[in-house]
Amino acid sequence: MDWSVIVLIAIIVILGVAALLIYVGQRMPGHEVDSFSDRLNEFSQSGEAVTLDQIELSLPFSERVIYPALRRFGEMSSKNTPQNVLQETTRKLELSGKSGFIDAPMFLASRFFVALILAVVVFLACTISILAQPVPRALLYSIIAAGLGFFFPQLWLNEQIKNRQLEIRKAMPDALDLLTICVEAGLGFDAAMSNVAKKWENELSLAFARAMREIQLGKVRREALRSMAERIDLAEMSSFVAAIIQSEQLGVSMAKVLRIQSEQMRMRRRQYAEELAHQAPVKMLIPMIVFIFPSIFIVLMTPAALQIMRTSLGGQ
């Protein structure tokens, strides 16, 4: 395989990934694009006479074309998708915290969309550009690009799940400290959770805020907490929820339980940091073998090799 073609494919894949990340970033919470009703209110307040077509054209291209196309394609493909695949995708979207702006059919459609775009771009680049390749080889490169484009959204989703769980693990001890202070000051547990949700802007505060909305809508507190633990799927959160439910059922002091949970969370966070530190030498082994050791061997063995060559030539 020509190295120039490999570099070209890598550049195209990176551009496709960047485009996907930009699109996803526009759909993430906190980066929402104005909805149709918001645009309508904006034009009505300005007093200008506008038509519905002008309001629709004022929306970004992703809102007018890409998002509806993905939704329609997702609805069509979901009819032929196994139910367990949709459930597993929905579960992963819940764990990643992205279920609020994309559903399972749309996510599956985005995988096919990215694969198709990369395959077409790579095929055209290999057949039309100055690095023109035979058609069979161009098809091979496009199939490789399609495979990368198909699996990249899944890898991105798994990485989002890990990052969210790590962020929640880091924030839990401080959040439990604040919960303990609020409860000891005389607030109820629900009011304390509301204060924590208002205090920070992270994944844990969003999870607390969603649980509080469910409680306000009539859901039993223990069921809302269990649903929150299932949406996070973290051992620390499951332990915290189980302790809160047990203290509520047995009538144990909530402040005491929260203080004990806070100390345990802080200890677990320290143990997790120590575990990552112990894994560092193993992770450093591969780059050392690939990059550092060859350089050391060259520096150490080259003088000896040159000496041996001179000796052998002098002996001849």
C-alpha atoms as a PDB file:
ATOM      1  CA  MET A   1       0.000   0.000   0.000  1.00  0.00           C
ATOM      2  CA  ASP A   2       1.305   3.410  -0.966  1.00  0.00           C
ATOM      3  CA  TRP A   3       2.102   5.599   2.040  1.00  0.00           C
ATOM      4  CA  SER A   4       0.650   8.666   0.341  1.00  0.00           C
ATOM      5  CA  VAL A   5      -2.693   6.907   0.002  1.00  0.00           C
ATOM      6  CA  ILE A   6      -2.586   5.902   3.673  1.00  0.00           C
ATOM      7  CA  VAL A   7      -1.930   9.501   4.666  1.00  0.00           C
ATOM      8  CA  LEU A   8      -4.783  10.676   2.433  1.00  0.00           C
ATOM      9  CA  ILE A   9      -7.197   8.173   3.971  1.00  0.00           C
ATOM     10  CA  ALA A  10      -6.097   9.202   7.465  1.00  0.00           C
ATOM     11  CA  ILE A  11      -6.693  12.887   6.673  1.00  0.00           C
ATOM     12  CA  ILE A  12     -10.141  12.137   5.272  1.00  0.00           C
ATOM     13  CA  VAL A  13     -11.057  10.036   8.298  1.00  0.00           C
ATOM     14  CA  ILE A  14      -9.892  12.804  10.644  1.00  0.00           C
ATOM     15  CA  LEU A  15     -11.951  15.376   8.750  1.00  0.00           C
ATOM     16  CA  GLY A  16     -14.999  13.125   8.904  1.00  0.00           C
ATOM     17  CA  VAL A  17     -14.515  12.592  12.611  1.00  0.00           C
ATOM     18  CA  ALA A  18     -14.125  16.336  13.175  1.00  0.00           C
ATOM     19  CA  ALA A  19     -17.322  17.021  11.224  1.00  0.00           C
ATOM     20  CA  LEU A  20     -19.187  14.452  13.297  1.00  0.00           C
ATOM     21  CA  LEU A  21     -17.871  15.917  16.546  1.00  0.00           C
ATOM     22  CA  ILE A  22     -18.891  19.420  15.486  1.00  0.00           C
ATOM     23  CA  TYR A  23     -22.373  18.192  14.653  1.00  0.00           C
ATOM     24  CA  VAL A  24     -22.666  16.283  17.926  1.00  0.00           C
ATOM     25  CA  GLY A  25     -21.363  19.290  19.838  1.00  0.00           C
ATOM     26  CA  GLN A  26     -24.142  21.389  18.361  1.00  0.00           C
ATOM     27  CA  ARG A  27     -26.691  18.870  19.612  1.00  0.00           C
ATOM     28  CA  MET A  28     -25.233  18.469  23.109  1.00  0.00           C
ATOM     29  CA  PRO A  29     -26.971  19.958  26.135  1.00  0.00           C
ATOM     30  CA  GLY A  30     -25.769  23.485  26.696  1.00  0.00           C
ATOM     31  CA  HIS A  31     -25.081  23.968  22.958  1.00  0.00           C
ATOM     32  CA  GLU A  32     -28.637  23.613  21.646  1.00  0.00           C
ATOM     33  CA  VAL A  33     -29.638  25.452  18.518  1.00  0.00           C
ATOM     34  CA  ASP A  34     -32.726  27.656  18.791  1.00  0.00           C
ATOM     35  CA  SER A  35     -35.892  25.731  18.051  1.00  0.00           C
ATOM     36  CA  PHE A  36     -38.539  26.734  15.552  1.00  0.00           C
ATOM     37  CA  SER A  37     -40.751  28.299  18.229  1.00  0.00           C
ATOM     38  CA  ASP A  38     -37.837  30.371  19.543  1.00  0.00           C
ATOM     39  CA  ARG A  39     -37.136  31.703  16.059  1.00  0.00           C
ATOM     40  CA  LEU A  40     -40.809  32.504  15.607  1.00  0.00           C
ATOM     41  CA  ASN A  41     -40.908  34.455  18.884  1.00  0.00           C
ATOM     42  CA  GLU A  42     -37.736  36.304  17.902  1.00  0.00           C
ATOM     43  CA  PHE A  43     -39.193  37.449  14.579  1.00  0.00           C
ATOM     44  CA  SER A  44     -42.533  38.338  16.175  1.00  0.00           C
ATOM     45  CA  GLN A  45     -40.841  40.532  18.792  1.00  0.00           C
ATOM     46  CA  SER A  46     -38.842  42.350  16.128  1.00  0.00           C
ATOM     47  CA  GLY A  47     -42.081  43.400  14.428  1.00  0.00           C
ATOM     48  CA  GLU A  48     -40.936  42.369  10.946  1.00  0.00           C
ATOM     49  CA  ALA A  49     -43.336  40.636   8.581  1.00  0.00           C
ATOM     50  CA  VAL A  50     -41.767  37.300   7.734  1.00  0.00           C
ATOM     51  CA  THR A  51     -43.006  34.055   6.264  1.00  0.00           C
ATOM     52  CA  LEU A  52     -42.582  30.536   7.573  1.00  0.00           C
ATOM     53  CA  ASP A  53     -40.103  29.804   4.782  1.00  0.00           C
ATOM     54  CA  GLN A  54     -37.854  32.624   5.961  1.00  0.00           C
ATOM     55  CA  ILE A  55     -37.998  31.356   9.530  1.00  0.00           C
ATOM     56  CA  GLU A  56     -37.101  27.838   8.429  1.00  0.00           C
ATOM     57  CA  LEU A  57     -34.250  29.104   6.252  1.00  0.00           C
ATOM     58  CA  SER A  58     -32.847  31.012   9.234  1.00  0.00           C
ATOM     59  CA  LEU A  59     -32.152  27.697  10.977  1.00  0.00           C
ATOM     60  CA  PRO A  60     -28.689  26.120  10.581  1.00  0.00           C
ATOM     61  CA  PHE A  61     -28.106  23.580   7.835  1.00  0.00           C
ATOM     62  CA  SER A  62     -27.782  20.755  10.359  1.00  0.00           C
ATOM     63  CA  GLU A  63     -31.233  21.559  11.777  1.00  0.00           C
ATOM     64  CA  ARG A  64     -32.878  21.860   8.370  1.00  0.00           C
ATOM     65  CA  VAL A  65     -31.295  18.939   6.519  1.00  0.00           C
ATOM     66  CA  ILE A  66     -28.954  16.656   8.474  1.00  0.00           C
ATOM     67  CA  TYR A  67     -30.980  16.157  11.635  1.00  0.00           C
ATOM     68  CA  PRO A  68     -34.349  15.471   9.877  1.00  0.00           C
ATOM     69  CA  ALA A  69     -32.626  13.154   7.385  1.00  0.00           C
ATOM     70  CA  LEU A  70     -30.984  11.164  10.180  1.00  0.00           C
ATOM     71  CA  ARG A  71     -34.261  10.966  12.065  1.00  0.00           C
ATOM     72  CA  ARG A  72     -36.178   9.743   9.023  1.00  0.00           C
ATOM     73  CA  PHE A  73     -33.500   7.224   8.099  1.00  0.00           C
ATOM     74  CA  GLY A  74     -33.374   6.074  11.725  1.00  0.00           C
ATOM     75  CA  GLU A  75     -37.116   5.525  11.844  1.00  0.00           C
ATOM     76  CA  MET A  76     -36.924   3.482   8.642  1.00  0.00           C
ATOM     77  CA  SER A  77     -33.951   1.396   9.769  1.00  0.00           C
ATOM     78  CA  SER A  78     -35.388   0.751  13.248  1.00  0.00           C
ATOM     79  CA  LYS A  79     -38.107  -1.393  11.691  1.00  0.00           C
ATOM     80  CA  ASN A  80     -35.488  -3.906  10.522  1.00  0.00           C
ATOM     81  CA  THR A  81     -33.201  -3.603  13.545  1.00  0.00           C
ATOM     82  CA  PRO A  82     -33.375  -6.284  16.276  1.00  0.00           C
ATOM     83  CA  GLN A  83     -35.042  -5.072  19.428  1.00  0.00           C
ATOM     84  CA  ASN A  84     -32.117  -6.094  21.629  1.00  0.00           C
ATOM     85  CA  VAL A  85     -29.771  -3.896  19.560  1.00  0.00           C
ATOM     86  CA  LEU A  86     -32.077  -0.898  20.024  1.00  0.00           C
ATOM     87  CA  GLN A  87     -32.344  -1.576  23.750  1.00  0.00           C
ATOM     88  CA  GLU A  88     -28.576  -1.908  24.133  1.00  0.00           C
ATOM     89  CA  THR A  89     -28.001   1.310  22.186  1.00  0.00           C
ATOM     90  CA  THR A  90     -30.612   3.122  24.271  1.00  0.00           C
ATOM     91  CA  ARG A  91     -28.917   1.832  27.406  1.00  0.00           C
ATOM     92  CA  LYS A  92     -25.522   3.123  26.273  1.00  0.00           C
ATOM     93  CA  LEU A  93     -26.992   6.498  25.348  1.00  0.00           C
ATOM     94  CA  GLU A  94     -28.465   6.717  28.844  1.00  0.00           C
ATOM     95  CA  LEU A  95     -25.109   5.854  30.390  1.00  0.00           C
ATOM     96  CA  SER A  96     -23.347   8.459  28.259  1.00  0.00           C
ATOM     97  CA  GLY A  97     -25.879  11.173  29.119  1.00  0.00           C
ATOM     98  CA  LYS A  98     -26.647  11.826  25.439  1.00  0.00           C
ATOM     99  CA  SER A  99     -30.145  10.353  25.344  1.00  0.00           C
ATOM    100  CA  GLY A 100     -31.700  13.797  25.616  1.00  0.00           C
ATOM    101  CA  PHE A 101     -30.674  14.903  22.133  1.00  0.00           C
ATOM    102  CA  ILE A 102     -30.330  11.664  20.149  1.00  0.00           C
ATOM    103  CA  ASP A 103     -32.197   8.364  20.306  1.00  0.00           C
ATOM    104  CA  ALA A 104     -31.141   4.827  19.387  1.00  0.00           C
ATOM    105  CA  PRO A 105     -32.513   4.799  15.784  1.00  0.00           C
ATOM    106  CA  MET A 106     -30.798   8.113  15.010  1.00  0.00           C
ATOM    107  CA  PHE A 107     -27.521   6.921  16.484  1.00  0.00           C
ATOM    108  CA  LEU A 108     -27.601   3.734  14.411  1.00  0.00           C
ATOM    109  CA  ALA A 109     -28.458   5.815  11.352  1.00  0.00           C
ATOM    110  CA  SER A 110     -25.497   8.098  12.047  1.00  0.00           C
ATOM    111  CA  ARG A 111     -23.165   5.068  11.975  1.00  0.00           C
ATOM    112  CA  PHE A 112     -24.328   4.145   8.466  1.00  0.00           C
ATOM    113  CA  PHE A 113     -24.269   7.801   7.421  1.00  0.00           C
ATOM    114  CA  VAL A 114     -20.667   8.327   8.519  1.00  0.00           C
ATOM    115  CA  ALA A 115     -19.602   5.037   6.919  1.00  0.00           C
ATOM    116  CA  LEU A 116     -21.250   5.969   3.610  1.00  0.00           C
ATOM    117  CA  ILE A 117     -19.773   9.474   3.546  1.00  0.00           C
ATOM    118  CA  LEU A 118     -16.238   8.258   4.256  1.00  0.00           C
ATOM    119  CA  ALA A 119     -16.525   5.452   1.709  1.00  0.00           C
ATOM    120  CA  VAL A 120     -17.676   7.819  -1.037  1.00  0.00           C
ATOM    121  CA  VAL A 121     -15.059  10.456  -0.210  1.00  0.00           C
ATOM    122  CA  VAL A 122     -12.214   7.929  -0.132  1.00  0.00           C
ATOM    123  CA  PHE A 123     -13.354   6.304  -3.385  1.00  0.00           C
ATOM    124  CA  LEU A 124     -13.529   9.652  -5.162  1.00  0.00           C
ATOM    125  CA  ALA A 125     -10.173  10.697  -3.724  1.00  0.00           C
ATOM    126  CA  CYS A 126      -8.541   7.478  -4.935  1.00  0.00           C
ATOM    127  CA  THR A 127     -10.006   7.635  -8.437  1.00  0.00           C
ATOM    128  CA  ILE A 128     -10.121  11.334  -9.331  1.00  0.00           C
ATOM    129  CA  SER A 129      -7.199  12.900  -7.453  1.00  0.00           C
ATOM    130  CA  ILE A 130      -3.567  12.974  -8.539  1.00  0.00           C
ATOM    131  CA  LEU A 131      -3.072   9.826  -6.442  1.00  0.00           C
ATOM    132  CA  ALA A 132      -5.295   7.885  -8.808  1.00  0.00           C
ATOM    133  CA  GLN A 133      -5.506   4.175  -8.029  1.00  0.00           C
ATOM    134  CA  PRO A 134      -7.054   1.237  -9.896  1.00  0.00           C
ATOM    135  CA  VAL A 135     -10.742   0.751  -9.252  1.00  0.00           C
ATOM    136  CA  PRO A 136     -10.347  -2.513  -7.257  1.00  0.00           C
ATOM    137  CA  ARG A 137      -7.799  -0.887  -4.960  1.00  0.00           C
ATOM    138  CA  ALA A 138      -9.999   2.209  -4.593  1.00  0.00           C
ATOM    139  CA  LEU A 139     -12.909  -0.045  -3.638  1.00  0.00           C
ATOM    140  CA  LEU A 140     -10.706  -1.734  -1.051  1.00  0.00           C
ATOM    141  CA  TYR A 141      -9.720   1.605   0.463  1.00  0.00           C
ATOM    142  CA  SER A 142     -13.346   2.759   0.507  1.00  0.00           C
ATOM    143  CA  ILE A 143     -14.420  -0.442   2.284  1.00  0.00           C
ATOM    144  CA  ILE A 144     -11.731   0.136   4.916  1.00  0.00           C
ATOM    145  CA  ALA A 145     -12.891   3.735   5.351  1.00  0.00           C
ATOM    146  CA  ALA A 146     -16.516   2.589   5.616  1.00  0.00           C
ATOM    147  CA  GLY A 147     -15.552   0.139   8.362  1.00  0.00           C
ATOM    148  CA  LEU A 148     -13.746   2.876  10.266  1.00  0.00           C
ATOM    149  CA  GLY A 149     -16.683   5.238   9.849  1.00  0.00           C
ATOM    150  CA  PHE A 150     -19.157   2.588  10.978  1.00  0.00           C
ATOM    151  CA  PHE A 151     -17.307   1.690  14.175  1.00  0.00           C
ATOM    152  CA  PHE A 152     -16.146   5.195  15.140  1.00  0.00           C
ATOM    153  CA  PRO A 153     -19.513   6.393  16.583  1.00  0.00           C
ATOM    154  CA  GLN A 154     -19.634   3.288  18.761  1.00  0.00           C
ATOM    155  CA  LEU A 155     -16.097   3.909  20.022  1.00  0.00           C
ATOM    156  CA  TRP A 156     -16.963   7.540  20.636  1.00  0.00           C
ATOM    157  CA  LEU A 157     -20.040   6.504  22.637  1.00  0.00           C
ATOM    158  CA  ASN A 158     -18.041   4.084  24.787  1.00  0.00           C
ATOM    159  CA  GLU A 159     -15.493   6.822  25.459  1.00  0.00           C
ATOM    160  CA  GLN A 160     -18.273   9.211  26.470  1.00  0.00           C
ATOM    161  CA  ILE A 161     -19.574   6.629  28.954  1.00  0.00           C
ATOM    162  CA  LYS A 162     -16.131   6.253  30.538  1.00  0.00           C
ATOM    163  CA  ASN A 163     -15.619  10.012  30.742  1.00  0.00           C
ATOM    164  CA  ARG A 164     -19.028  10.563  32.324  1.00  0.00           C
ATOM    165  CA  GLN A 165     -18.506   7.856  34.921  1.00  0.00           C
ATOM    166  CA  LEU A 166     -15.048   9.213  35.725  1.00  0.00           C
ATOM    167  CA  GLU A 167     -16.408  12.739  36.139  1.00  0.00           C
ATOM    168  CA  ILE A 168     -19.157  11.487  38.466  1.00  0.00           C
ATOM    169  CA  ARG A 169     -16.673   9.415  40.479  1.00  0.00           C
ATOM    170  CA  LYS A 170     -14.485  12.482  41.001  1.00  0.00           C
ATOM    171  CA  ALA A 171     -17.394  14.744  41.962  1.00  0.00           C
ATOM    172  CA  MET A 172     -19.209  12.414  44.359  1.00  0.00           C
ATOM    173  CA  PRO A 173     -17.136  13.017  47.549  1.00  0.00           C
ATOM    174  CA  ASP A 174     -17.507  16.802  47.310  1.00  0.00           C
ATOM    175  CA  ALA A 175     -21.205  16.480  46.466  1.00  0.00           C
ATOM    176  CA  LEU A 176     -21.795  14.218  49.451  1.00  0.00           C
ATOM    177  CA  ASP A 177     -19.962  16.687  51.693  1.00  0.00           C
ATOM    178  CA  LEU A 178     -22.336  19.410  50.527  1.00  0.00           C
ATOM    179  CA  LEU A 179     -25.310  17.081  51.036  1.00  0.00           C
ATOM    180  CA  THR A 180     -24.112  16.370  54.582  1.00  0.00           C
ATOM    181  CA  ILE A 181     -23.739  20.075  55.399  1.00  0.00           C
ATOM    182  CA  CYS A 182     -27.208  20.869  54.039  1.00  0.00           C
ATOM    183  CA  VAL A 183     -28.868  18.016  55.945  1.00  0.00           C
ATOM    184  CA  GLU A 184     -27.083  18.908  59.185  1.00  0.00           C
ATOM    185  CA  ALA A 185     -28.216  22.515  58.706  1.00  0.00           C
ATOM    186  CA  GLY A 186     -31.836  21.355  58.812  1.00  0.00           C
ATOM    187  CA  LEU A 187     -32.752  20.883  55.148  1.00  0.00           C
ATOM    188  CA  GLY A 188     -34.528  17.795  53.931  1.00  0.00           C
ATOM    189  CA  PHE A 189     -32.805  15.350  51.616  1.00  0.00           C
ATOM    190  CA  ASP A 190     -34.754  16.556  48.565  1.00  0.00           C
ATOM    191  CA  ALA A 191     -33.864  20.193  49.247  1.00  0.00           C
ATOM    192  CA  ALA A 192     -30.225  19.213  49.789  1.00  0.00           C
ATOM    193  CA  MET A 193     -30.146  17.429  46.428  1.00  0.00           C
ATOM    194  CA  SER A 194     -31.659  20.504  44.791  1.00  0.00           C
ATOM    195  CA  ASN A 195     -28.892  22.661  46.268  1.00  0.00           C
ATOM    196  CA  VAL A 196     -26.231  20.291  44.940  1.00  0.00           C
ATOM    197  CA  ALA A 197     -27.867  20.370  41.500  1.00  0.00           C
ATOM    198  CA  LYS A 198     -27.767  24.183  41.540  1.00  0.00           C
ATOM    199  CA  LYS A 199     -24.230  24.402  42.929  1.00  0.00           C
ATOM    200  CA  TRP A 200     -22.367  22.731  40.061  1.00  0.00           C
ATOM    201  CA  GLU A 201     -22.678  22.231  36.349  1.00  0.00           C
ATOM    202  CA  ASN A 202     -21.446  18.686  35.809  1.00  0.00           C
ATOM    203  CA  GLU A 203     -22.823  15.250  35.074  1.00  0.00           C
ATOM    204  CA  LEU A 204     -23.549  14.501  38.727  1.00  0.00           C
ATOM    205  CA  SER A 205     -25.557  17.695  39.205  1.00  0.00           C
ATOM    206  CA  LEU A 206     -27.513  16.918  36.026  1.00  0.00           C
ATOM    207  CA  ALA A 207     -28.273  13.430  37.362  1.00  0.00           C
ATOM    208  CA  PHE A 208     -29.442  14.883  40.671  1.00  0.00           C
ATOM    209  CA  ALA A 209     -31.580  17.457  38.866  1.00  0.00           C
ATOM    210  CA  ARG A 210     -33.244  14.782  36.744  1.00  0.00           C
ATOM    211  CA  ALA A 211     -33.973  12.657  39.825  1.00  0.00           C
ATOM    212  CA  MET A 212     -35.493  15.688  41.546  1.00  0.00           C
ATOM    213  CA  ARG A 213     -37.729  16.402  38.548  1.00  0.00           C
ATOM    214  CA  GLU A 214     -38.955  12.811  38.641  1.00  0.00           C
ATOM    215  CA  ILE A 215     -39.726  13.141  42.355  1.00  0.00           C
ATOM    216  CA  GLN A 216     -41.586  16.399  41.760  1.00  0.00           C
ATOM    217  CA  LEU A 217     -43.647  14.716  39.050  1.00  0.00           C
ATOM    218  CA  GLY A 218     -44.859  12.117  41.534  1.00  0.00           C
ATOM    219  CA  LYS A 219     -42.289   9.339  41.396  1.00  0.00           C
ATOM    220  CA  VAL A 220     -41.379   7.711  44.697  1.00  0.00           C
ATOM    221  CA  ARG A 221     -37.990   8.870  45.974  1.00  0.00           C
ATOM    222  CA  ARG A 222     -36.437   5.406  46.199  1.00  0.00           C
ATOM    223  CA  GLU A 223     -37.570   4.575  42.660  1.00  0.00           C
ATOM    224  CA  ALA A 224     -36.152   7.857  41.349  1.00  0.00           C
ATOM    225  CA  LEU A 225     -32.840   7.204  43.096  1.00  0.00           C
ATOM    226  CA  ARG A 226     -32.676   3.649  41.748  1.00  0.00           C
ATOM    227  CA  SER A 227     -33.359   4.926  38.234  1.00  0.00           C
ATOM    228  CA  MET A 228     -30.575   7.478  38.677  1.00  0.00           C
ATOM    229  CA  ALA A 229     -28.163   4.723  39.756  1.00  0.00           C
ATOM    230  CA  GLU A 230     -29.143   2.608  36.737  1.00  0.00           C
ATOM    231  CA  ARG A 231     -28.547   5.534  34.383  1.00  0.00           C
ATOM    232  CA  ILE A 232     -25.039   5.994  35.792  1.00  0.00           C
ATOM    233  CA  ASP A 233     -24.086   2.316  36.356  1.00  0.00           C
ATOM    234  CA  LEU A 234     -21.347   3.119  38.854  1.00  0.00           C
ATOM    235  CA  ALA A 235     -20.589   1.051  41.937  1.00  0.00           C
ATOM    236  CA  GLU A 236     -20.165   4.149  44.113  1.00  0.00           C
ATOM    237  CA  MET A 237     -23.545   5.542  43.072  1.00  0.00           C
ATOM    238  CA  SER A 238     -25.289   2.204  43.592  1.00  0.00           C
ATOM    239  CA  SER A 239     -23.800   1.970  47.090  1.00  0.00           C
ATOM    240  CA  PHE A 240     -24.876   5.541  47.868  1.00  0.00           C
ATOM    241  CA  VAL A 241     -28.447   4.957  46.690  1.00  0.00           C
ATOM    242  CA  ALA A 242     -28.707   1.681  48.610  1.00  0.00           C
ATOM    243  CA  ALA A 243     -27.504   3.389  51.804  1.00  0.00           C
ATOM    244  CA  ILE A 244     -30.013   6.254  51.404  1.00  0.00           C
ATOM    245  CA  ILE A 245     -32.914   3.880  50.786  1.00  0.00           C
ATOM    246  CA  GLN A 246     -31.926   1.698  53.737  1.00  0.00           C
ATOM    247  CA  SER A 247     -31.583   4.677  56.076  1.00  0.00           C
ATOM    248  CA  GLU A 248     -35.002   5.914  54.980  1.00  0.00           C
ATOM    249  CA  GLN A 249     -36.603   2.535  55.646  1.00  0.00           C
ATOM    250  CA  LEU A 250     -34.874   1.955  58.999  1.00  0.00           C
ATOM    251  CA  GLY A 251     -35.115   5.521  60.286  1.00  0.00           C
ATOM    252  CA  VAL A 252     -31.359   6.007  60.645  1.00  0.00           C
ATOM    253  CA  SER A 253     -29.953   9.539  60.805  1.00  0.00           C
ATOM    254  CA  MET A 254     -29.510  10.772  57.245  1.00  0.00           C
ATOM    255  CA  ALA A 255     -26.614  13.081  58.147  1.00  0.00           C
ATOM    256  CA  LYS A 256     -24.654  10.234  59.711  1.00  0.00           C
ATOM    257  CA  VAL A 257     -25.205   7.996  56.685  1.00  0.00           C
ATOM    258  CA  LEU A 258     -24.145  10.771  54.325  1.00  0.00           C
ATOM    259  CA  ARG A 259     -20.976  11.450  56.314  1.00  0.00           C
ATOM    260  CA  ILE A 260     -20.021   7.768  56.244  1.00  0.00           C
ATOM    261  CA  GLN A 261     -20.746   7.587  52.512  1.00  0.00           C
ATOM    262  CA  SER A 262     -18.648  10.686  51.894  1.00  0.00           C
ATOM    263  CA  GLU A 263     -15.648   9.153  53.678  1.00  0.00           C
ATOM    264  CA  GLN A 264     -16.060   5.909  51.731  1.00  0.00           C
ATOM    265  CA  MET A 265     -16.319   7.753  48.406  1.00  0.00           C
ATOM    266  CA  ARG A 266     -13.173   9.714  49.142  1.00  0.00           C
ATOM    267  CA  MET A 267     -11.323   6.524  50.045  1.00  0.00           C
ATOM    268  CA  ARG A 268     -12.524   4.820  46.846  1.00  0.00           C
ATOM    269  CA  ARG A 269     -11.436   7.793  44.767  1.00  0.00           C
ATOM    270  CA  ARG A 270      -7.967   7.622  46.330  1.00  0.00           C
ATOM    271  CA  GLN A 271      -7.803   3.869  45.692  1.00  0.00           C
ATOM    272  CA  TYR A 272      -8.845   4.411  42.077  1.00  0.00           C
ATOM    273  CA  ALA A 273      -6.088   7.011  41.651  1.00  0.00           C
ATOM    274  CA  GLU A 274      -3.560   4.588  43.132  1.00  0.00           C
ATOM    275  CA  GLU A 275      -4.773   1.866  40.779  1.00  0.00           C
ATOM    276  CA  LEU A 276      -4.267   4.145  37.784  1.00  0.00           C
ATOM    277  CA  ALA A 277      -0.797   5.035  39.060  1.00  0.00           C
ATOM    278  CA  HIS A 278       0.112   1.345  39.299  1.00  0.00           C
ATOM    279  CA  GLN A 279      -1.081   0.819  35.724  1.00  0.00           C
ATOM    280  CA  ALA A 280       1.181   3.575  34.389  1.00  0.00           C
ATOM    281  CA  PRO A 281       4.371   1.451  34.101  1.00  0.00           C
ATOM    282  CA  VAL A 282       2.520  -1.209  32.137  1.00  0.00           C
ATOM    283  CA  LYS A 283       1.018   1.378  29.784  1.00  0.00           C
ATOM    284  CA  MET A 284       4.436   2.988  29.295  1.00  0.00           C
ATOM    285  CA  LEU A 285       5.965  -0.335  28.260  1.00  0.00           C
ATOM    286  CA  ILE A 286       4.637  -0.292  24.682  1.00  0.00           C
ATOM    287  CA  PRO A 287       5.911   3.202  23.732  1.00  0.00           C
ATOM    288  CA  MET A 288       9.225   2.393  25.416  1.00  0.00           C
ATOM    289  CA  ILE A 289       9.618  -0.780  23.362  1.00  0.00           C
ATOM    290  CA  VAL A 290       8.551   0.880  20.118  1.00  0.00           C
ATOM    291  CA  PHE A 291      10.309   4.250  20.389  1.00  0.00           C
ATOM    292  CA  ILE A 292      12.870   4.379  23.214  1.00  0.00           C
ATOM    293  CA  PHE A 293      14.522   0.960  23.209  1.00  0.00           C
ATOM    294  CA  PRO A 294      15.429   1.024  19.466  1.00  0.00           C
ATOM    295  CA  SER A 295      17.127   4.391  19.929  1.00  0.00           C
ATOM    296  CA  ILE A 296      19.065   3.090  22.923  1.00  0.00           C
ATOM    297  CA  PHE A 297      20.130  -0.007  21.000  1.00  0.00           C
ATOM    298  CA  ILE A 298      21.311   2.130  18.097  1.00  0.00           C
ATOM    299  CA  VAL A 299      23.347   4.405  20.379  1.00  0.00           C
ATOM    300  CA  LEU A 300      24.880   1.520  22.322  1.00  0.00           C
ATOM    301  CA  MET A 301      25.383  -1.054  19.576  1.00  0.00           C
ATOM    302  CA  THR A 302      26.523   1.167  16.699  1.00  0.00           C
ATOM    303  CA  PRO A 303      30.068   1.795  18.056  1.00  0.00           C
ATOM    304  CA  ALA A 304      30.498  -1.918  18.797  1.00  0.00           C
ATOM    305  CA  ALA A 305      29.222  -2.855  15.347  1.00  0.00           C
ATOM    306  CA  LEU A 306      31.584  -0.355  13.700  1.00  0.00           C
ATOM    307  CA  GLN A 307      34.508  -1.710  15.751  1.00  0.00           C
ATOM    308  CA  ILE A 308      33.692  -5.278  14.749  1.00  0.00           C
ATOM    309  CA  MET A 309      33.453  -4.252  11.085  1.00  0.00           C
ATOM    310  CA  ARG A 310      36.863  -2.498  11.259  1.00  0.00           C
ATOM    311  CA  THR A 311      38.462  -5.483  12.965  1.00  0.00           C
ATOM    312  CA  SER A 312      37.073  -7.943  10.446  1.00  0.00           C
ATOM    313  CA  LEU A 313      38.148  -5.763   7.525  1.00  0.00           C
ATOM    314  CA  GLY A 314      41.588  -5.270   9.016  1.00  0.00           C
ATOM    315  CA  GLY A 315      41.938  -9.041   9.526  1.00  0.00           C
ATOM    316  CA  GLN A 316      41.187  -9.631   5.872  1.00  0.00           C
END
